[in-house]
Structures are given as structure tokens and as C-alpha cells.
């Protein structure tokens, strides 16, 4: 059916299973950015949340219905599973759901997806990371959305069509930051180099600290923003005491912990560094910083080269190469004109490629499936 004609009849009702109740991590940030940028004359979103939480307030502010659904229902007993399928099918029928969008890809065979298939509702599954789990949930999907070509190439889609749709970022949020350098104790004449992300070895925070030590000049300052969260499955995380031990007595390096005001952090920075060791599926920080007109220094891994154009919007280097990292940071610290040129290019690239464009691609995919 023609997209314009369908929109004139009524918007497509898309049910998003968020897989969370907050705005934590890359997948949820992508979801909320997408929701903010959807053409609401064409798409009417409903978001299923795992429980009451911060996401309820966010959705309310956006004028979007948030349904407290609970966790996805996997098979435990035949009776429970059949009831869950029936409950989900009845609810989707009442709500006139046209598309189900799974904002996660690590479920086995949720009753909710079985219900959607029984009703003939297409299912879009979002691969935010490389997915090699050969689960029935993947096979139940009508389409896979991969956040980068790298994720698409390295994932197992079990024959389901894969569409590369890069992540989107809400330009209104990351252009509204305020300068907090005074609060942080950073002088106007300092050049502030920022690491933002999880305080983990795979994210290269230790490389950042070591590179900072090798950059000369008291007017170069270094900021580490992120949470120290060691727990089950995150055994490469640094504790705060371990991080402070790495920093030791270098007064130029400041750790500020987890921040809700990342637009302010980007605004206050002069450049942003992402020295990841692991193959980043995409790298949201890259486009968030770009909107704030900040050049980036990042490793040439995973989907990062799809975002950063070396020599234009930032600088790329091999992973685990602290000498190159220090050298490239130093080159930008010493050259404010280059930082400004790259920052302008980065913002233009993000506005063109990573704001409305991915959302429009997603909207067109929904219509083709319906």
C-alpha cells in the first residue's frame, strides 16, 4: 500500500518492546531518540516497559503511551505459555497493533512474538550488537534492523532479511548543552579532552589515562565521565578506587562519575576520545559529540569507521596503540583551528546522516512490511 495513502487513513500503530524501564545504555538511548524523531502523523508508537520507572516520565513528556507489560514471557509450563500467548494476542488485537518492534535480540521464544505471528503482525528485531544466537525469536522476525554494516555482516540472521539502519540522535538534546567548565574547575584557556562511557577495559579507559600522561602541557586537561559498575558479566570494569589508582597523582585528569548532563559535558569539552578495544557496534558517543561540534579520536574497530571520517570529522587509529592515541590527541590539543574545522564537519555529517534519515528509513521499512 502507498505510504502517503496509508498515513492519510491512520498512523501505523507500532508496539515497541523496550526491554527496560529506564533510559540506560545504548539500546534504550537509541529507542528514545527514535521515538522523539518519528513522524507522528504516520507512526503512532506504544512502548511496552518491564516495570514502572524513569521511562514512564520520559514517555509521558513525549505524549507517548507507556504500557507496563512486565518481562517477556518465556516457556515455563504449557498452561502458562498458552495463557500468555492468548493475553498478548487479545491485547494486540484490541490495540490494533500493526507492527511489533523488538528493541532487543537476546530472547528465546517469547509468547508475545508467537502471538504477533498468529495475528499476522510483522515483527522487526533490532540488532544493537553483533548477534550470533540462533534463537527461534530471530526466526520469528519479519525483518532485522542492524545498527551498522559491521553488525549486519557479523550477525546470524537465520535467513531473515537484514536492513542496515544506523542509529539516530535527537539534535535538540545535544545542541542545548551549557558550559560547566567553572563547575568542573576547568579554566577557559584549558583544552579539555573527554572520555565518556563505561569505565571498563574494553572501552579503553586505561589507555586514555596512559595517553593523557604522555600529552605535555599544563593547559591540557582530561575528563573521565562514566559509571564504575563491576558485577555479573562485567568483570573487566574498574572500581572507582582502581581508576583513581590509575590516575594516581596526575592533577590534570579528573574523574566525575556518571553524569545525567552529558550534553553539558560535550559542550564543555574540546575533543572527545573513544579508545575502545572491542568492536563497537556503532558508537553513540561519536554522534552525540558530533552534534556538539566536537571532533573525536577513536579506534578503527567495529562500526566506528562508518561514523567517523578520518581526517575530516575526527581521527582514527588502531586499537591498543597508546603511542598513536597520545600523538593524535596531542595534534588536536595543539591545533584549535583543526578542532574547529573537524567539529563543524562532524556536526554537519551527524545532521545529514544520523538524525532524521535513519528514522525515515525505519518508517519506510514498517510500511513495506505492513
Protein backbone atom coordinates (compact mmCIF):
# COMPACT_ATOMS: atom_id res chain seq x y z
CA UNK A 1 0.00 0.00 0.00
CA UNK A 2 1.25 3.51 -0.82
CA UNK A 3 2.83 5.14 2.26
CA UNK A 4 1.09 8.52 1.80
CA UNK A 5 -2.28 6.87 1.34
CA UNK A 6 -1.79 4.74 4.47
CA UNK A 7 -0.83 7.79 6.53
CA UNK A 8 -3.97 9.57 5.37
CA UNK A 9 -6.10 6.69 6.66
CA UNK A 10 -4.49 6.39 10.09
CA UNK A 11 -0.98 6.17 11.51
CA UNK A 12 0.64 2.77 11.77
CA UNK A 13 0.46 1.58 15.37
CA UNK A 14 3.88 0.24 16.35
CA UNK A 15 4.35 -1.63 19.60
CA UNK A 16 7.93 -1.28 20.91
CA UNK A 17 9.10 -3.82 23.47
CA UNK A 18 11.71 -1.70 25.20
CA UNK A 19 13.22 -4.44 27.36
CA UNK A 20 13.81 -1.91 30.13
CA UNK A 21 12.04 0.62 32.36
CA UNK A 22 14.70 3.35 32.14
CA UNK A 23 16.94 5.22 29.77
CA UNK A 24 20.16 3.30 30.33
CA UNK A 25 22.64 2.03 27.78
CA UNK A 26 22.87 2.43 24.05
CA UNK A 27 19.77 0.45 23.04
CA UNK A 28 17.40 2.50 25.18
CA UNK A 29 19.05 5.79 24.14
CA UNK A 30 18.51 4.82 20.51
CA UNK A 31 14.89 3.90 21.18
CA UNK A 32 14.05 7.21 22.87
CA UNK A 33 15.85 9.21 20.17
CA UNK A 34 13.87 7.33 17.51
CA UNK A 35 10.60 7.96 19.32
CA UNK A 36 11.38 11.68 19.52
CA UNK A 37 12.03 11.88 15.77
CA UNK A 38 9.18 9.71 14.43
CA UNK A 39 6.67 11.34 12.11
CA UNK A 40 3.66 11.03 14.40
CA UNK A 41 1.27 11.66 11.52
CA UNK A 42 2.49 8.32 10.10
CA UNK A 43 3.55 6.34 13.16
CA UNK A 44 1.71 6.01 16.47
CA UNK A 45 4.09 4.40 18.99
CA UNK A 46 3.16 2.40 22.09
CA UNK A 47 6.04 1.33 24.34
CA UNK A 48 5.88 -1.82 26.48
CA UNK A 49 8.03 -1.43 29.62
CA UNK A 50 9.23 -4.06 32.05
CA UNK A 51 8.02 -2.11 35.11
CA UNK A 52 7.36 1.38 36.45
CA UNK A 53 10.44 3.55 36.18
CA UNK A 54 12.10 6.65 34.72
CA UNK A 55 10.93 5.77 31.21
CA UNK A 56 7.31 6.43 32.21
CA UNK A 57 8.04 10.11 32.79
CA UNK A 58 10.06 10.37 29.59
CA UNK A 59 7.26 8.86 27.52
CA UNK A 60 4.62 10.99 29.22
CA UNK A 61 6.59 14.10 28.31
CA UNK A 62 6.65 12.93 24.70
CA UNK A 63 2.93 12.23 24.64
CA UNK A 64 3.53 8.50 24.06
CA UNK A 65 1.63 5.68 25.74
CA UNK A 66 3.77 3.54 28.03
CA UNK A 67 2.31 0.12 28.84
CA UNK A 68 3.64 -1.63 31.95
CA UNK A 69 3.94 -5.06 30.39
CA UNK A 70 6.41 -6.88 32.58
CA UNK A 71 9.19 -9.16 31.35
CA UNK A 72 8.78 -11.10 28.13
CA UNK A 73 7.05 -14.43 28.76
CA UNK A 74 9.22 -17.44 28.01
CA UNK A 75 8.12 -21.07 28.24
CA UNK A 76 7.95 -22.47 31.78
CA UNK A 77 4.81 -24.54 31.60
CA UNK A 78 2.44 -25.30 28.75
CA UNK A 79 -0.54 -23.77 30.52
CA UNK A 80 1.23 -20.55 31.45
CA UNK A 81 2.67 -20.16 27.98
CA UNK A 82 -0.67 -20.68 26.21
CA UNK A 83 -2.32 -18.15 28.53
CA UNK A 84 0.45 -15.64 27.86
CA UNK A 85 0.07 -16.07 24.11
CA UNK A 86 -3.69 -15.55 24.42
CA UNK A 87 -3.30 -12.50 26.63
CA UNK A 88 -0.80 -10.87 24.27
CA UNK A 89 -2.87 -11.67 21.17
CA UNK A 90 -6.06 -10.26 22.70
CA UNK A 91 -4.29 -7.08 23.79
CA UNK A 92 -2.62 -6.52 20.41
CA UNK A 93 -5.93 -7.07 18.64
CA UNK A 94 -7.71 -4.55 20.89
CA UNK A 95 -4.93 -2.01 20.37
CA UNK A 96 -4.94 -2.58 16.59
CA UNK A 97 -1.18 -3.12 16.54
CA UNK A 98 0.26 -3.08 13.01
CA UNK A 99 3.96 -3.73 13.74
CA UNK A 100 5.88 -5.17 16.71
CA UNK A 101 9.37 -3.78 17.17
CA UNK A 102 11.70 -5.71 19.50
CA UNK A 103 14.35 -3.32 20.81
CA UNK A 104 16.46 -6.32 21.85
CA UNK A 105 17.61 -9.59 20.35
CA UNK A 106 18.51 -11.98 23.15
CA UNK A 107 15.17 -13.64 23.88
CA UNK A 108 14.46 -17.32 23.16
CA UNK A 109 10.82 -17.62 22.12
CA UNK A 110 8.66 -15.00 23.88
CA UNK A 111 4.94 -15.69 23.94
CA UNK A 112 4.43 -12.13 22.73
CA UNK A 113 6.17 -12.86 19.43
CA UNK A 114 4.21 -16.05 18.93
CA UNK A 115 1.03 -14.04 19.49
CA UNK A 116 2.10 -11.46 16.92
CA UNK A 117 2.84 -14.13 14.33
CA UNK A 118 -0.51 -15.83 14.95
CA UNK A 119 -2.19 -12.48 14.26
CA UNK A 120 -0.09 -11.90 11.15
CA UNK A 121 1.63 -8.88 12.69
CA UNK A 122 5.13 -8.29 11.24
CA UNK A 123 7.99 -8.30 13.75
CA UNK A 124 11.09 -6.10 13.49
CA UNK A 125 14.02 -7.19 15.67
CA UNK A 126 16.75 -4.65 16.39
CA UNK A 127 20.34 -5.89 16.49
CA UNK A 128 22.16 -3.27 18.57
CA UNK A 129 25.18 -5.57 18.86
CA UNK A 130 26.56 -8.48 16.88
CA UNK A 131 24.11 -11.33 17.40
CA UNK A 132 25.08 -14.94 16.80
CA UNK A 133 22.36 -16.52 18.95
CA UNK A 134 20.40 -18.88 16.74
CA UNK A 135 17.13 -18.45 18.62
CA UNK A 136 13.55 -19.10 17.47
CA UNK A 137 12.84 -15.42 18.24
CA UNK A 138 15.16 -14.39 15.42
CA UNK A 139 13.46 -16.79 13.01
CA UNK A 140 10.04 -15.42 14.02
CA UNK A 141 11.11 -11.95 12.85
CA UNK A 142 9.95 -10.45 9.59
CA UNK A 143 12.99 -8.17 9.36
CA UNK A 144 16.20 -7.47 11.22
CA UNK A 145 17.47 -3.93 11.74
CA UNK A 146 21.26 -3.79 12.23
CA UNK A 147 22.78 -0.59 13.61
CA UNK A 148 25.78 -0.81 11.28
CA UNK A 149 27.11 -2.71 8.33
CA UNK A 150 29.58 -4.32 10.71
CA UNK A 151 26.75 -5.72 12.86
CA UNK A 152 24.87 -6.92 9.78
CA UNK A 153 27.93 -8.67 8.37
CA UNK A 154 28.90 -10.44 11.59
CA UNK A 155 25.46 -11.44 12.89
CA UNK A 156 23.49 -14.60 12.19
CA UNK A 157 20.05 -13.61 10.94
CA UNK A 158 18.90 -17.18 10.18
CA UNK A 159 17.87 -16.07 6.70
CA UNK A 160 15.67 -13.18 7.89
CA UNK A 161 16.24 -10.07 5.71
CA UNK A 162 18.66 -7.61 7.33
CA UNK A 163 18.39 -3.84 6.88
CA UNK A 164 21.28 -1.60 7.93
CA UNK A 165 19.77 1.44 9.62
CA UNK A 166 22.27 3.48 11.57
CA UNK A 167 21.46 4.88 14.98
CA UNK A 168 19.77 8.25 15.24
CA UNK A 169 20.31 11.02 17.76
CA UNK A 170 17.92 13.80 18.75
CA UNK A 171 19.57 17.08 17.65
CA UNK A 172 17.52 19.15 20.08
CA UNK A 173 19.04 17.41 23.08
CA UNK A 174 22.72 17.57 22.19
CA UNK A 175 22.75 21.14 20.93
CA UNK A 176 21.25 22.54 24.14
CA UNK A 177 24.17 21.87 26.49
CA UNK A 178 25.58 24.58 28.73
CA UNK A 179 29.18 25.28 29.69
CA UNK A 180 30.05 23.71 33.08
CA UNK A 181 33.80 24.26 32.97
CA UNK A 182 33.72 26.54 36.02
CA UNK A 183 31.85 23.87 37.99
CA UNK A 184 34.46 21.32 36.97
CA UNK A 185 37.40 23.58 37.79
CA UNK A 186 38.49 23.88 34.16
CA UNK A 187 39.94 27.23 33.08
CA UNK A 188 38.70 28.96 29.91
CA UNK A 189 42.22 28.67 28.48
CA UNK A 190 42.47 24.90 29.11
CA UNK A 191 41.95 22.36 26.33
CA UNK A 192 39.57 19.75 27.73
CA UNK A 193 39.86 16.17 26.39
CA UNK A 194 36.99 13.89 27.43
CA UNK A 195 36.45 10.15 27.75
CA UNK A 196 32.77 9.27 28.16
CA UNK A 197 31.45 5.76 28.66
CA UNK A 198 31.58 2.72 30.86
CA UNK A 199 34.71 2.50 32.98
CA UNK A 200 35.81 -0.81 31.52
CA UNK A 201 38.91 -2.26 29.97
CA UNK A 202 37.11 -3.00 26.69
CA UNK A 203 36.29 0.70 26.47
CA UNK A 204 39.98 1.58 26.82
CA UNK A 205 39.73 3.91 29.79
CA UNK A 206 43.17 2.76 30.96
CA UNK A 207 44.58 3.63 27.52
CA UNK A 208 43.02 7.07 27.82
CA UNK A 209 44.64 7.67 31.20
CA UNK A 210 48.04 6.48 29.95
CA UNK A 211 47.77 8.62 26.80
CA UNK A 212 46.83 11.64 28.94
CA UNK A 213 50.05 11.22 30.90
CA UNK A 214 52.02 11.41 27.64
CA UNK A 215 50.39 14.64 26.44
CA UNK A 216 52.52 17.55 27.56
CA UNK A 217 51.36 20.92 28.83
CA UNK A 218 49.58 22.08 31.97
CA UNK A 219 46.83 23.66 29.87
CA UNK A 220 45.70 20.20 28.65
CA UNK A 221 43.07 18.76 30.99
CA UNK A 222 41.44 15.33 30.84
CA UNK A 223 37.97 14.33 31.92
CA UNK A 224 36.64 10.81 32.60
CA UNK A 225 32.83 10.59 32.75
CA UNK A 226 31.08 7.28 33.37
CA UNK A 227 29.99 4.74 35.92
CA UNK A 228 32.26 2.22 37.65
CA UNK A 229 29.98 -0.83 37.62
CA UNK A 230 31.57 -4.17 38.28
CA UNK A 231 29.11 -7.03 38.52
CA UNK A 232 27.94 -10.24 36.96
CA UNK A 233 29.20 -10.39 33.40
CA UNK A 234 31.18 -7.14 33.75
CA UNK A 235 34.38 -8.43 35.28
CA UNK A 236 36.56 -6.08 33.21
CA UNK A 237 35.11 -2.98 34.89
CA UNK A 238 37.33 -0.80 37.03
CA UNK A 239 36.21 0.06 40.54
CA UNK A 240 36.47 3.72 41.46
CA UNK A 241 39.47 3.03 43.66
CA UNK A 242 41.20 1.17 40.81
CA UNK A 243 40.52 4.05 38.44
CA UNK A 244 41.85 6.59 40.91
CA UNK A 245 44.92 4.43 41.37
CA UNK A 246 45.46 4.58 37.59
CA UNK A 247 45.11 8.35 37.65
CA UNK A 248 47.41 8.50 40.69
CA UNK A 249 48.84 11.97 41.24
CA UNK A 250 48.18 13.46 37.80
CA UNK A 251 46.13 16.50 38.75
CA UNK A 252 45.28 17.18 35.10
CA UNK A 253 42.98 14.10 35.00
CA UNK A 254 39.56 14.47 36.62
CA UNK A 255 37.02 11.69 37.23
CA UNK A 256 33.45 12.97 37.58
CA UNK A 257 31.47 9.70 37.70
CA UNK A 258 28.19 9.03 35.94
CA UNK A 259 26.53 12.19 34.60
CA UNK A 260 22.95 12.81 33.55
CA UNK A 261 24.02 16.08 31.90
CA UNK A 262 26.10 14.67 29.06
CA UNK A 263 25.06 17.50 26.67
CA UNK A 264 26.73 19.88 29.13
CA UNK A 265 29.83 17.67 29.30
CA UNK A 266 30.14 17.64 25.49
CA UNK A 267 29.56 21.39 25.30
CA UNK A 268 32.36 21.98 27.81
CA UNK A 269 34.84 19.70 26.05
CA UNK A 270 37.21 20.50 23.20
CA UNK A 271 37.51 16.95 21.88
CA UNK A 272 36.18 13.51 22.75
CA UNK A 273 38.13 10.24 22.79
CA UNK A 274 36.78 6.69 22.27
CA UNK A 275 39.75 4.28 22.53
CA UNK A 276 37.68 1.07 22.52
CA UNK A 277 39.40 -2.30 22.35
CA UNK A 278 36.24 -4.18 21.43
CA UNK A 279 34.42 -3.93 18.13
CA UNK A 280 31.92 -1.18 18.90
CA UNK A 281 28.69 -1.96 17.04
CA UNK A 282 28.23 1.74 16.29
CA UNK A 283 29.41 4.20 18.96
CA UNK A 284 26.61 6.55 20.05
CA UNK A 285 29.06 8.86 21.79
CA UNK A 286 30.54 9.68 18.39
CA UNK A 287 27.33 11.22 17.06
CA UNK A 288 26.41 12.84 20.37
CA UNK A 289 29.79 14.59 20.43
CA UNK A 290 29.45 15.44 16.75
CA UNK A 291 26.22 17.31 17.34
CA UNK A 292 28.08 19.36 19.94
CA UNK A 293 30.69 20.17 17.23
CA UNK A 294 33.43 18.17 18.90
CA UNK A 295 35.98 16.18 16.89
CA UNK A 296 36.70 12.66 18.07
CA UNK A 297 39.73 10.44 18.34
CA UNK A 298 38.61 6.81 18.11
CA UNK A 299 39.86 3.35 17.32
CA UNK A 300 39.26 1.86 13.89
CA UNK A 301 37.11 -1.06 15.10
CA UNK A 302 33.60 -2.40 14.51
CA UNK A 303 31.15 0.15 13.15
CA UNK A 304 33.19 3.22 14.13
CA UNK A 305 34.62 3.81 10.61
CA UNK A 306 31.03 4.02 9.33
CA UNK A 307 30.55 7.05 11.59
CA UNK A 308 33.90 8.86 11.73
CA UNK A 309 35.64 10.05 8.57
CA UNK A 310 39.36 10.06 9.29
CA UNK A 311 40.90 13.49 8.80
CA UNK A 312 37.51 15.16 8.31
CA UNK A 313 35.27 14.60 11.34
CA UNK A 314 37.91 13.08 13.58
CA UNK A 315 40.95 10.83 13.73
CA UNK A 316 41.08 7.03 13.70
CA UNK A 317 43.83 4.76 14.99
CA UNK A 318 44.48 1.05 15.60
CA UNK A 319 43.18 -0.43 18.88
CA UNK A 320 45.53 -0.78 21.85
CA UNK A 321 48.04 1.67 20.36
CA UNK A 322 48.67 4.11 23.18
CA UNK A 323 51.52 5.82 21.30
CA UNK A 324 49.23 6.71 18.38
CA UNK A 325 46.47 7.69 20.79
CA UNK A 326 48.70 10.14 22.64
CA UNK A 327 50.08 11.51 19.36
CA UNK A 328 46.66 12.11 17.83
CA UNK A 329 45.27 13.70 20.99
CA UNK A 330 48.35 15.95 21.11
CA UNK A 331 47.87 17.02 17.50
CA UNK A 332 44.35 18.25 18.23
CA UNK A 333 45.27 19.81 21.57
CA UNK A 334 47.90 21.91 19.77
CA UNK A 335 45.68 22.93 16.85
CA UNK A 336 42.43 24.72 17.80
CA UNK A 337 41.72 25.63 14.18
CA UNK A 338 41.81 21.93 13.21
CA UNK A 339 39.49 21.09 16.11
CA UNK A 340 37.01 23.71 14.98
CA UNK A 341 37.11 22.58 11.36
CA UNK A 342 36.61 18.93 12.31
CA UNK A 343 33.90 19.88 14.79
CA UNK A 344 31.92 21.70 12.11
CA UNK A 345 32.30 18.76 9.73
CA UNK A 346 31.25 16.33 12.44
CA UNK A 347 28.07 18.26 13.19
CA UNK A 348 27.15 18.53 9.52
CA UNK A 349 27.70 14.81 9.00
CA UNK A 350 25.56 13.91 12.01
CA UNK A 351 22.75 16.23 10.96
CA UNK A 352 22.77 14.75 7.46
CA UNK A 353 23.24 11.06 8.25
CA UNK A 354 22.30 10.32 11.85
CA UNK A 355 19.20 12.34 12.82
CA UNK A 356 16.04 12.13 10.71
CA UNK A 357 17.48 9.94 7.93
CA UNK A 358 17.64 6.65 9.90
CA UNK A 359 14.17 7.25 11.34
CA UNK A 360 12.73 7.83 7.89
CA UNK A 361 14.36 4.60 6.73
CA UNK A 362 12.71 2.79 9.64
CA UNK A 363 9.32 4.30 8.86
CA UNK A 364 9.59 3.12 5.26
CA UNK A 365 10.54 -0.37 6.43
CA UNK A 366 7.45 -0.50 8.65
CA UNK A 367 5.23 0.45 5.73
CA UNK A 368 6.78 -2.10 3.39
CA UNK A 369 6.22 -4.84 5.96
CA UNK A 370 2.64 -3.82 6.60
